[in-house]
Amino acid sequence: MAKGALLNPIKMGRYELPNRVFMAPMTRSRADNSENVATPLIAEYYSQRASAGLLITEGSQVSKQGVGYINTPGIHSQAQVEGWKQVIES
């Protein structure tokens, strides 16, 4: 890899990424509400890292039975879908 290549654009499939900085999935347990909805704090967390080439968000439970641990945002209710929309828009 050439010197400075980390900050060079890269094409991955159909995606043109601005650099080769990828952020692995991790959670911060910030969906601290009874519905496990993504919060403005989660949106802020990801928007602060938006200059990375690729962000892989935290794992999200797809059902109430799939909750692995406390305060993780889900994606199995309409309220949760709406919560993730604020993350995407930020």
Protein backbone atom coordinates (compact mmCIF):
# COMPACT_ATOMS: atom_id res chain seq x y z
CA MET A 1 0.00 0.00 0.00
CA ALA A 2 1.39 3.36 -0.99
CA LYS A 3 2.21 5.95 1.63
CA GLY A 4 -0.98 7.81 2.50
CA ALA A 5 -3.21 5.20 0.84
CA LEU A 6 -5.40 5.03 3.96
CA LEU A 7 -6.92 8.35 3.03
CA ASN A 8 -7.34 7.56 -0.68
CA PRO A 9 -10.80 6.76 -2.07
CA ILE A 10 -11.71 3.12 -2.67
CA LYS A 11 -14.46 1.38 -4.64
CA MET A 12 -16.16 -1.53 -2.86
CA GLY A 13 -18.76 -3.14 -5.08
CA ARG A 14 -21.21 -0.41 -6.01
CA TYR A 15 -19.95 1.95 -3.31
CA GLU A 16 -17.41 4.71 -3.80
CA LEU A 17 -15.91 5.40 -0.37
CA PRO A 18 -13.98 8.61 0.37
CA ASN A 19 -11.20 6.78 2.23
CA ARG A 20 -10.17 3.40 3.62
CA VAL A 21 -10.99 4.17 7.24
CA PHE A 22 -13.62 1.67 8.36
CA MET A 23 -15.31 1.67 11.76
CA ALA A 24 -16.21 -1.70 13.17
CA PRO A 25 -19.61 -2.35 14.73
CA MET A 26 -19.84 -1.58 18.41
CA THR A 27 -22.55 -0.44 20.74
CA ARG A 28 -22.53 2.26 23.34
CA SER A 29 -25.74 1.07 25.05
CA ARG A 30 -27.38 4.45 24.55
CA ALA A 31 -30.92 3.33 23.70
CA ASP A 32 -31.85 4.00 27.32
CA ASN A 33 -35.60 3.95 26.92
CA SER A 34 -38.30 1.32 27.39
CA GLU A 35 -38.77 0.85 23.62
CA ASN A 36 -35.04 0.44 22.77
CA VAL A 37 -35.32 3.27 20.22
CA ALA A 38 -32.15 4.89 18.85
CA THR A 39 -31.72 8.25 20.58
CA PRO A 40 -30.34 11.65 19.56
CA LEU A 41 -27.15 10.70 21.43
CA ILE A 42 -26.72 7.69 19.11
CA ALA A 43 -27.26 9.96 16.11
CA GLU A 44 -24.64 12.36 17.46
CA TYR A 45 -22.16 9.50 18.04
CA TYR A 46 -22.36 8.33 14.43
CA SER A 47 -22.45 11.82 12.92
CA GLN A 48 -19.20 12.62 14.75
CA ARG A 49 -17.63 9.69 12.90
CA ALA A 50 -19.23 10.31 9.51
CA SER A 51 -15.95 11.18 7.81
CA ALA A 52 -14.85 7.54 7.99
CA GLY A 53 -15.03 5.70 4.68
CA LEU A 54 -17.46 3.11 6.03
CA LEU A 55 -19.40 2.93 9.30
CA ILE A 56 -20.87 -0.37 10.38
CA THR A 57 -23.45 0.38 13.05
CA GLU A 58 -24.02 -1.66 16.13
CA GLY A 59 -25.99 -4.86 15.96
CA SER A 60 -29.72 -4.35 16.34
CA GLN A 61 -32.20 -6.82 17.72
CA VAL A 62 -34.87 -7.86 15.24
CA SER A 63 -37.40 -8.97 17.87
CA LYS A 64 -38.10 -8.55 21.59
CA GLN A 65 -36.74 -12.05 22.07
CA GLY A 66 -33.49 -11.06 20.35
CA VAL A 67 -32.35 -8.46 22.89
CA GLY A 68 -28.79 -9.47 23.77
CA TYR A 69 -28.10 -6.86 26.43
CA ILE A 70 -29.48 -3.70 27.94
CA ASN A 71 -30.01 -0.38 26.10
CA THR A 72 -29.26 -1.56 22.57
CA PRO A 73 -31.39 -0.07 19.79
CA GLY A 74 -33.73 -2.42 17.98
CA ILE A 75 -35.29 -2.36 14.54
CA HIS A 76 -38.45 -4.43 15.04
CA SER A 77 -40.99 -1.69 15.73
CA GLN A 78 -42.02 1.40 13.80
CA ALA A 79 -40.71 3.63 16.61
CA GLN A 80 -37.31 1.95 16.31
CA VAL A 81 -37.27 2.36 12.53
CA GLU A 82 -38.00 6.06 13.04
CA GLY A 83 -35.20 6.26 15.62
CA TRP A 84 -32.70 4.83 13.12
CA LYS A 85 -33.88 7.36 10.52
CA GLN A 86 -32.58 10.18 12.72
CA VAL A 87 -29.21 8.42 12.86
CA ILE A 88 -29.09 8.07 9.07
CA GLU A 89 -30.15 11.67 8.49
CA SER A 90 -27.51 13.03 10.88
